[in-house]
């Protein structure tokens, strides 16, 4: 692949593309392209052997016009300032496109969590929570899990905040364990919204999802849940991958069996039912009806997009296609349904969790899934209406037009003062 695109520049280009179809002054639109503030901090943490390591960490708060900042915290060696700025921006427009009353936030620590013990990770997490304490809060900024973080880390952050503030505030963070104030249905939410989007996309395009061939790049939580749920709709999952590589079987896999293999061995590679093993790039260029990129950003750039042979792409990951890839795929009549709709299930059910925390009244999983279904299908209809009414070049631009209009409405209704 070519040199990795800068994700923050990709975000700004996506906003610029949509701005051509939005009725607003250039200076007002310009403020929608940059975060309001970015925290950059260095965490000095004692290791199990008594040594001290320093970890760089970030939190970006992008736009609060529609509500508290909202977005995950990731632990990954590739975390950097531009990445969290981009991801916090995508969160703004993701929340807006599905009508959730939040702004955008994102954070992360530059770390490979596999290199550290559980006790070390707890100290690192609590150290970060201590630095975040002045900036987060139920009505200020509400973090959540992301890459390499989950209920465990969210529980630690909640406990640290509540201890230091001498309060009970479960809504300060979402993605918690059920016993700590989490929501039923949260673990499956991102994969579920991806599959709802795929189902609606095939229906909109006049195609049958039953029997469709599917490739899923990334077999973490979002990818494997998407594979399982789309298999239940009758689709045929023929290829999946993780960081170790990809596996392919023409007759299709049982996604649950592949997940069991990954749980036992640590990777999808070596799965006994595969016809062959492929690279991640090979998977992305398979001739399939549906491709689901569910790993990290920039998975498909302009060069690789020329070899993509999928009919429909539904983005479970954040920013898996560069703007150059969008241009190539539009010319080849590949339909791309964007991340800010498809993977919005995570933030939507996080919103449900936040609401339940504030009410101290908790919903059944059935209700959570029904509410999620209604929000994603309504947002899909809004997107396709905008696409048709404005004669837009692709569905990503349509999603941004819907989202930017909503953010601008909130900004203009609030007025402006020094």
Protein backbone atom coordinates (compact mmCIF):
# COMPACT_ATOMS: atom_id res chain seq x y z
CA UNK A 1 0.00 0.00 0.00
CA UNK A 2 0.99 3.59 -0.47
CA UNK A 3 1.97 5.86 2.40
CA UNK A 4 -0.77 6.02 5.04
CA UNK A 5 -3.17 8.94 4.72
CA UNK A 6 -3.36 11.37 7.60
CA UNK A 7 -6.78 10.62 9.19
CA UNK A 8 -7.32 14.22 10.30
CA UNK A 9 -6.73 15.45 6.76
CA UNK A 10 -9.13 12.78 5.52
CA UNK A 11 -11.82 14.03 7.90
CA UNK A 12 -11.32 17.62 6.77
CA UNK A 13 -11.54 16.58 3.12
CA UNK A 14 -14.78 14.70 3.79
CA UNK A 15 -16.24 17.81 5.43
CA UNK A 16 -15.08 19.96 2.50
CA UNK A 17 -16.74 17.58 0.03
CA UNK A 18 -20.06 17.78 1.86
CA UNK A 19 -19.80 21.54 2.43
CA UNK A 20 -20.38 22.15 -1.27
CA UNK A 21 -23.97 21.01 -0.69
CA UNK A 22 -24.57 22.87 2.59
CA UNK A 23 -25.97 26.41 2.82
CA UNK A 24 -23.56 28.07 5.27
CA UNK A 25 -20.82 30.67 5.28
CA UNK A 26 -17.27 29.44 4.80
CA UNK A 27 -16.10 30.78 8.16
CA UNK A 28 -18.87 28.92 9.99
CA UNK A 29 -18.04 25.71 8.17
CA UNK A 30 -14.36 26.18 8.99
CA UNK A 31 -15.02 25.81 12.73
CA UNK A 32 -16.50 22.37 12.04
CA UNK A 33 -13.13 21.09 10.81
CA UNK A 34 -11.06 21.49 13.98
CA UNK A 35 -11.30 20.31 17.60
CA UNK A 36 -12.10 22.81 20.30
CA UNK A 37 -9.30 21.50 22.51
CA UNK A 38 -6.84 18.61 22.78
CA UNK A 39 -5.32 17.34 26.02
CA UNK A 40 -1.85 15.85 25.63
CA UNK A 41 -0.38 14.38 28.79
CA UNK A 42 2.46 12.14 29.93
CA UNK A 43 1.63 9.42 32.44
CA UNK A 44 4.43 8.35 34.78
CA UNK A 45 3.49 4.91 36.11
CA UNK A 46 5.32 2.44 38.33
CA UNK A 47 5.71 -1.02 36.82
CA UNK A 48 5.57 -4.34 38.66
CA UNK A 49 9.37 -4.46 38.91
CA UNK A 50 9.53 -1.01 40.54
CA UNK A 51 10.70 0.85 37.44
CA UNK A 52 8.80 3.87 36.11
CA UNK A 53 7.57 4.15 32.52
CA UNK A 54 6.16 7.22 30.82
CA UNK A 55 3.18 6.89 28.45
CA UNK A 56 1.90 9.61 26.13
CA UNK A 57 -1.88 10.00 26.20
CA UNK A 58 -4.47 12.23 24.49
CA UNK A 59 -8.08 13.38 24.72
CA UNK A 60 -9.62 15.45 21.92
CA UNK A 61 -12.90 17.36 22.36
CA UNK A 62 -14.06 18.30 18.90
CA UNK A 63 -17.45 20.04 18.98
CA UNK A 64 -19.99 20.47 21.77
CA UNK A 65 -22.78 22.25 19.91
CA UNK A 66 -25.22 19.34 20.27
CA UNK A 67 -24.28 18.06 23.73
CA UNK A 68 -21.48 16.58 25.86
CA UNK A 69 -18.38 15.31 24.06
CA UNK A 70 -18.62 11.57 23.45
CA UNK A 71 -16.12 9.01 22.25
CA UNK A 72 -13.88 6.11 23.07
CA UNK A 73 -10.45 5.59 24.58
CA UNK A 74 -8.08 3.28 22.70
CA UNK A 75 -4.83 1.61 23.76
CA UNK A 76 -2.61 1.13 20.72
CA UNK A 77 1.00 1.81 19.69
CA UNK A 78 -0.25 3.87 16.74
CA UNK A 79 -2.24 6.39 18.78
CA UNK A 80 -1.22 9.96 17.93
CA UNK A 81 -2.56 13.50 18.07
CA UNK A 82 -3.94 13.62 14.53
CA UNK A 83 -5.63 10.24 14.94
CA UNK A 84 -7.57 11.24 18.06
CA UNK A 85 -8.48 14.59 16.46
CA UNK A 86 -9.88 12.78 13.44
CA UNK A 87 -11.71 10.18 15.48
CA UNK A 88 -13.26 12.85 17.71
CA UNK A 89 -14.44 14.68 14.60
CA UNK A 90 -15.98 11.55 13.13
CA UNK A 91 -17.83 11.14 16.44
CA UNK A 92 -19.43 14.59 16.06
CA UNK A 93 -20.94 13.68 12.71
CA UNK A 94 -21.72 10.10 13.71
CA UNK A 95 -23.81 11.34 16.64
CA UNK A 96 -25.49 13.95 14.45
CA UNK A 97 -26.38 11.58 11.63
CA UNK A 98 -28.23 9.26 14.02
CA UNK A 99 -29.74 12.14 16.01
CA UNK A 100 -27.93 11.48 19.29
CA UNK A 101 -27.50 14.66 21.44
CA UNK A 102 -23.72 14.51 21.79
CA UNK A 103 -20.63 16.21 20.45
CA UNK A 104 -17.43 14.34 19.64
CA UNK A 105 -14.52 13.17 21.74
CA UNK A 106 -11.75 10.61 21.48
CA UNK A 107 -8.77 9.60 23.51
CA UNK A 108 -5.98 7.10 23.69
CA UNK A 109 -2.71 5.96 25.19
CA UNK A 110 0.33 5.08 23.11
CA UNK A 111 0.75 1.52 24.37
CA UNK A 112 0.62 -2.12 23.36
CA UNK A 113 -1.46 -3.58 26.22
CA UNK A 114 -0.18 -7.09 25.49
CA UNK A 115 3.20 -6.00 26.90
CA UNK A 116 1.83 -5.22 30.37
CA UNK A 117 0.29 -7.11 33.27
CA UNK A 118 -3.27 -6.53 34.43
CA UNK A 119 -2.00 -4.71 37.52
CA UNK A 120 0.16 -2.43 35.37
CA UNK A 121 -2.74 -1.72 33.02
CA UNK A 122 -4.93 -0.82 35.97
CA UNK A 123 -2.35 1.68 37.27
CA UNK A 124 -1.90 3.13 33.77
CA UNK A 125 -5.66 3.46 33.32
CA UNK A 126 -6.19 5.06 36.72
CA UNK A 127 -3.34 7.48 36.04
CA UNK A 128 -5.04 8.54 32.81
CA UNK A 129 -8.40 8.82 34.58
CA UNK A 130 -6.78 11.15 37.11
CA UNK A 131 -5.55 13.40 34.29
CA UNK A 132 -8.96 13.28 32.58
CA UNK A 133 -10.86 14.10 35.77
CA UNK A 134 -11.09 17.91 35.24
CA UNK A 135 -12.28 17.47 31.65
CA UNK A 136 -14.87 14.68 31.87
CA UNK A 137 -18.26 14.45 33.55
CA UNK A 138 -21.84 13.32 32.98
CA UNK A 139 -22.73 16.61 31.24
CA UNK A 140 -19.24 17.49 30.00
CA UNK A 141 -17.40 14.60 28.31
CA UNK A 142 -18.40 10.93 28.47
CA UNK A 143 -15.67 8.45 27.37
CA UNK A 144 -16.26 4.85 26.27
CA UNK A 145 -14.30 1.76 25.13
CA UNK A 146 -12.45 1.58 21.84
CA UNK A 147 -9.59 -0.48 20.40
CA UNK A 148 -8.02 -2.71 23.08
CA UNK A 149 -10.23 -1.35 25.87
CA UNK A 150 -13.49 -2.69 27.29
CA UNK A 151 -15.63 -3.03 30.37
CA UNK A 152 -12.64 -3.61 32.64
CA UNK A 153 -10.95 -0.32 31.77
CA UNK A 154 -14.23 1.60 31.86
CA UNK A 155 -14.95 0.23 35.36
CA UNK A 156 -11.49 1.42 36.51
CA UNK A 157 -12.06 4.91 35.09
CA UNK A 158 -15.52 5.14 36.68
CA UNK A 159 -14.16 4.06 40.07
CA UNK A 160 -11.23 6.48 39.89
CA UNK A 161 -13.48 9.41 39.00
CA UNK A 162 -16.07 8.60 41.64
CA UNK A 163 -13.41 8.11 44.33
CA UNK A 164 -11.65 11.40 43.57
CA UNK A 165 -14.93 13.31 43.27
CA UNK A 166 -16.43 11.57 46.32
CA UNK A 167 -19.65 10.90 44.43
CA UNK A 168 -21.64 8.30 42.54
CA UNK A 169 -21.69 9.08 38.82
CA UNK A 170 -22.13 5.97 36.65
CA UNK A 171 -22.97 8.17 33.64
CA UNK A 172 -19.44 9.62 33.57
CA UNK A 173 -18.44 6.77 31.26
CA UNK A 174 -20.22 4.17 29.14
CA UNK A 175 -19.36 0.65 28.05
CA UNK A 176 -19.25 -0.51 31.68
CA UNK A 177 -20.08 -3.98 32.95
CA UNK A 178 -23.77 -4.52 33.68
CA UNK A 179 -23.10 -4.70 37.43
CA UNK A 180 -21.38 -1.30 37.28
CA UNK A 181 -24.24 0.42 35.47
CA UNK A 182 -23.68 -0.82 31.93
CA UNK A 183 -26.42 -1.43 29.39
CA UNK A 184 -27.71 -4.69 28.04
CA UNK A 185 -26.94 -4.97 24.32
CA UNK A 186 -23.86 -2.74 24.40
CA UNK A 187 -21.32 -5.43 23.50
CA UNK A 188 -23.12 -6.33 20.25
CA UNK A 189 -24.22 -2.80 19.35
CA UNK A 190 -21.56 -1.82 16.79
CA UNK A 191 -21.77 -5.11 14.92
CA UNK A 192 -25.56 -4.98 15.09
CA UNK A 193 -25.81 -1.50 13.55
CA UNK A 194 -23.38 -2.59 10.82
CA UNK A 195 -25.68 -5.48 9.90
CA UNK A 196 -28.83 -3.35 10.09
CA UNK A 197 -27.15 -0.92 7.68
CA UNK A 198 -26.12 -3.77 5.37
CA UNK A 199 -29.64 -5.21 5.40
CA UNK A 200 -31.18 -1.82 4.62
CA UNK A 201 -28.56 -1.17 1.92
CA UNK A 202 -29.30 -4.41 0.10
CA UNK A 203 -33.03 -3.72 0.31
CA UNK A 204 -32.52 -0.16 -0.99
CA UNK A 205 -30.43 -1.45 -3.89
CA UNK A 206 -32.99 -4.15 -4.70
CA UNK A 207 -30.66 -7.01 -3.81
CA UNK A 208 -31.13 -10.06 -1.56
CA UNK A 209 -28.89 -10.36 1.48
CA UNK A 210 -29.93 -14.00 1.89
CA UNK A 211 -27.18 -15.93 0.11
CA UNK A 212 -24.91 -12.91 -0.39
CA UNK A 213 -21.17 -13.56 -0.12
CA UNK A 214 -19.46 -11.57 2.64
CA UNK A 215 -15.85 -10.81 3.62
CA UNK A 216 -15.09 -9.30 7.03
CA UNK A 217 -11.73 -7.62 7.62
CA UNK A 218 -11.05 -7.57 11.36
CA UNK A 219 -12.37 -10.17 13.79
CA UNK A 220 -12.48 -8.20 16.99
CA UNK A 221 -15.75 -7.38 18.69
CA UNK A 222 -17.37 -5.42 15.84
CA UNK A 223 -16.18 -7.73 13.08
CA UNK A 224 -17.10 -11.03 14.65
CA UNK A 225 -20.49 -9.81 15.88
CA UNK A 226 -21.24 -8.48 12.38
CA UNK A 227 -20.21 -11.83 10.89
CA UNK A 228 -22.44 -13.74 13.32
CA UNK A 229 -25.49 -11.52 12.81
CA UNK A 230 -25.21 -11.37 9.04
CA UNK A 231 -24.86 -15.15 8.96
CA UNK A 232 -28.17 -15.30 10.85
CA UNK A 233 -29.74 -13.29 8.00
CA UNK A 234 -28.72 -16.04 5.59
CA UNK A 235 -25.61 -14.40 4.11
CA UNK A 236 -22.53 -16.50 3.40
CA UNK A 237 -19.40 -15.36 5.28
CA UNK A 238 -16.61 -16.61 3.02
CA UNK A 239 -13.59 -14.75 4.44
CA UNK A 240 -12.51 -13.18 7.73
CA UNK A 241 -9.24 -11.78 9.02
CA UNK A 242 -7.41 -10.38 12.01
CA UNK A 243 -3.91 -8.97 12.45
CA UNK A 244 -2.44 -12.46 11.82
CA UNK A 245 -3.90 -12.73 8.32
CA UNK A 246 -7.04 -13.91 6.56
CA UNK A 247 -8.82 -17.21 5.92
CA UNK A 248 -11.12 -18.09 3.02
CA UNK A 249 -13.67 -20.80 2.39
CA UNK A 250 -15.81 -20.70 -0.73
CA UNK A 251 -18.73 -22.50 0.91
CA UNK A 252 -18.64 -20.14 3.88
CA UNK A 253 -17.73 -20.39 7.56
CA UNK A 254 -19.68 -20.77 10.74
CA UNK A 255 -18.61 -17.46 12.35
CA UNK A 256 -19.06 -18.90 15.85
CA UNK A 257 -16.70 -21.78 15.12
CA UNK A 258 -14.07 -19.36 13.81
CA UNK A 259 -14.50 -17.25 16.95
CA UNK A 260 -13.98 -20.34 19.13
CA UNK A 261 -10.77 -21.07 17.21
CA UNK A 262 -9.56 -17.49 17.70
CA UNK A 263 -10.34 -17.65 21.42
CA UNK A 264 -8.32 -20.86 21.71
CA UNK A 265 -5.33 -19.89 19.57
CA UNK A 266 -5.30 -16.08 19.57
CA UNK A 267 -5.87 -15.70 15.82
CA UNK A 268 -8.09 -16.83 12.95
CA UNK A 269 -5.06 -18.23 11.11
CA UNK A 270 -4.80 -22.00 11.13
CA UNK A 271 -8.54 -22.53 11.24
CA UNK A 272 -9.20 -26.15 10.24
CA UNK A 273 -12.13 -25.36 7.96
CA UNK A 274 -10.35 -22.90 5.66
CA UNK A 275 -9.74 -23.65 1.98
CA UNK A 276 -6.77 -21.27 2.00
CA UNK A 277 -5.06 -18.52 3.96
CA UNK A 278 -4.74 -15.02 2.52
CA UNK A 279 -3.27 -11.66 3.43
CA UNK A 280 -5.50 -8.87 4.69
CA UNK A 281 -5.08 -7.07 1.36
CA UNK A 282 -6.15 -10.22 -0.50
CA UNK A 283 -9.34 -10.31 1.57
CA UNK A 284 -10.10 -6.67 0.76
CA UNK A 285 -9.96 -7.41 -2.98
CA UNK A 286 -12.08 -10.58 -3.03
CA UNK A 287 -15.01 -10.76 -5.46
CA UNK A 288 -17.84 -10.65 -2.90
CA UNK A 289 -21.26 -9.08 -2.65
CA UNK A 290 -20.46 -7.35 0.65
CA UNK A 291 -17.18 -6.23 2.22
CA UNK A 292 -17.12 -5.18 5.89
CA UNK A 293 -13.88 -3.40 6.92
CA UNK A 294 -13.89 -3.75 10.72
CA UNK A 295 -10.28 -3.04 11.71
CA UNK A 296 -8.43 0.30 11.85
CA UNK A 297 -8.52 3.41 9.67
CA UNK A 298 -6.88 3.66 6.22
CA UNK A 299 -7.36 -0.03 5.37
CA UNK A 300 -8.17 0.86 1.75
CA UNK A 301 -6.32 3.68 0.01
CA UNK A 302 -6.64 4.91 -3.55
CA UNK A 303 -4.24 2.32 -4.97
CA UNK A 304 -5.82 -0.68 -3.27
CA UNK A 305 -9.31 0.57 -4.13
CA UNK A 306 -8.56 -0.06 -7.80
CA UNK A 307 -8.48 -3.78 -7.01
CA UNK A 308 -11.54 -3.87 -4.74
CA UNK A 309 -14.16 -6.15 -6.31
CA UNK A 310 -16.99 -5.96 -3.75
CA UNK A 311 -20.39 -4.66 -4.84
CA UNK A 312 -21.22 -3.06 -1.48
CA UNK A 313 -18.98 -1.87 1.36
CA UNK A 314 -20.36 -1.25 4.85
CA UNK A 315 -17.80 0.29 7.20
CA UNK A 316 -17.71 -1.19 10.70
CA UNK A 317 -14.37 0.50 11.44
CA UNK A 318 -13.76 4.24 11.74
CA UNK A 319 -12.26 5.73 8.59
CA UNK A 320 -11.27 2.49 6.81
CA UNK A 321 -11.36 4.20 3.39
CA UNK A 322 -9.31 7.23 2.42
CA UNK A 323 -10.95 10.01 0.36
CA UNK A 324 -8.94 8.84 -2.64
CA UNK A 325 -10.42 5.36 -2.22
CA UNK A 326 -13.91 6.87 -2.13
CA UNK A 327 -13.26 8.57 -5.47
CA UNK A 328 -12.02 5.36 -7.08
CA UNK A 329 -14.90 3.27 -5.77
CA UNK A 330 -17.50 5.82 -6.86
CA UNK A 331 -16.17 5.54 -10.41
CA UNK A 332 -16.38 1.74 -10.27
CA UNK A 333 -20.01 1.81 -9.02
CA UNK A 334 -19.16 0.25 -5.67
CA UNK A 335 -21.66 1.43 -3.08
CA UNK A 336 -20.05 2.55 0.19
CA UNK A 337 -22.23 2.99 3.28
CA UNK A 338 -20.15 5.06 5.67
CA UNK A 339 -18.84 4.47 9.18
CA UNK A 340 -20.70 7.41 10.70
CA UNK A 341 -23.93 5.52 10.07
CA UNK A 342 -22.92 1.87 9.97
CA UNK A 343 -20.93 1.65 13.21
CA UNK A 344 -23.04 4.18 15.12
CA UNK A 345 -24.65 1.39 17.15
CA UNK A 346 -21.88 1.66 19.72
CA UNK A 347 -22.48 5.32 20.50
CA UNK A 348 -26.24 4.89 20.22
CA UNK A 349 -26.35 2.19 22.90
CA UNK A 350 -23.80 4.20 24.89
CA UNK A 351 -26.39 6.98 24.78
CA UNK A 352 -29.01 4.51 26.03
CA UNK A 353 -26.62 3.55 28.84
CA UNK A 354 -26.11 7.21 29.76
CA UNK A 355 -29.87 7.78 29.81
CA UNK A 356 -30.40 4.71 32.00
CA UNK A 357 -27.64 5.87 34.37
CA UNK A 358 -29.30 9.26 34.76
CA UNK A 359 -32.71 7.74 35.36
CA UNK A 360 -31.39 4.87 37.52
CA UNK A 361 -33.79 2.72 35.54
CA UNK A 362 -32.45 -0.05 33.30
CA UNK A 363 -33.87 -1.51 30.10
CA UNK A 364 -34.13 -5.08 28.84
CA UNK A 365 -31.88 -6.18 25.97
CA UNK A 366 -34.99 -6.56 23.83
CA UNK A 367 -35.88 -2.90 24.35
CA UNK A 368 -32.30 -1.78 23.68
CA UNK A 369 -32.23 -3.68 20.37
CA UNK A 370 -35.65 -2.39 19.35
CA UNK A 371 -34.64 1.22 20.06
CA UNK A 372 -31.37 0.73 18.16
CA UNK A 373 -33.21 -0.75 15.19
CA UNK A 374 -35.51 2.28 15.02
CA UNK A 375 -32.68 4.83 15.22
CA UNK A 376 -30.46 3.17 12.58
CA UNK A 377 -33.28 2.54 10.10
CA UNK A 378 -34.53 6.12 10.46
CA UNK A 379 -30.99 7.45 9.98
CA UNK A 380 -30.59 5.23 6.89
CA UNK A 381 -33.77 6.69 5.40
CA UNK A 382 -32.54 10.23 6.16
CA UNK A 383 -29.26 9.44 4.40
CA UNK A 384 -30.86 8.00 1.26
CA UNK A 385 -33.38 10.87 1.13
CA UNK A 386 -30.51 13.38 1.21
CA UNK A 387 -28.62 11.36 -1.42
CA UNK A 388 -31.57 11.44 -3.83
CA UNK A 389 -32.90 14.93 -3.15
CA UNK A 390 -29.52 16.63 -3.52
CA UNK A 391 -28.21 14.38 -6.32
CA UNK A 392 -25.08 13.68 -4.24
CA UNK A 393 -22.03 11.77 -5.53
CA UNK A 394 -22.03 9.06 -2.83
CA UNK A 395 -23.60 7.99 0.44
CA UNK A 396 -20.73 9.32 2.56
CA UNK A 397 -21.33 12.83 1.30
CA UNK A 398 -25.03 12.34 2.00
CA UNK A 399 -24.30 11.34 5.59
CA UNK A 400 -22.10 14.39 6.13
CA UNK A 401 -24.68 16.72 4.59
CA UNK A 402 -27.30 15.42 7.03
CA UNK A 403 -24.89 15.63 9.98
CA UNK A 404 -23.40 19.05 9.19
CA UNK A 405 -26.86 20.56 8.76
CA UNK A 406 -27.82 19.30 12.22
CA UNK A 407 -24.66 20.63 13.86
CA UNK A 408 -25.09 23.98 12.14
CA UNK A 409 -28.71 24.20 13.28
CA UNK A 410 -27.62 23.69 16.90
CA UNK A 411 -24.84 26.27 16.55
CA UNK A 412 -27.06 28.88 14.93
CA UNK A 413 -29.92 28.37 17.39
CA UNK A 414 -27.51 28.89 20.30
CA UNK A 415 -26.13 32.14 18.92
CA UNK A 416 -22.53 33.26 19.29
CA UNK A 417 -20.84 35.31 21.99
CA UNK A 418 -17.24 36.08 23.00
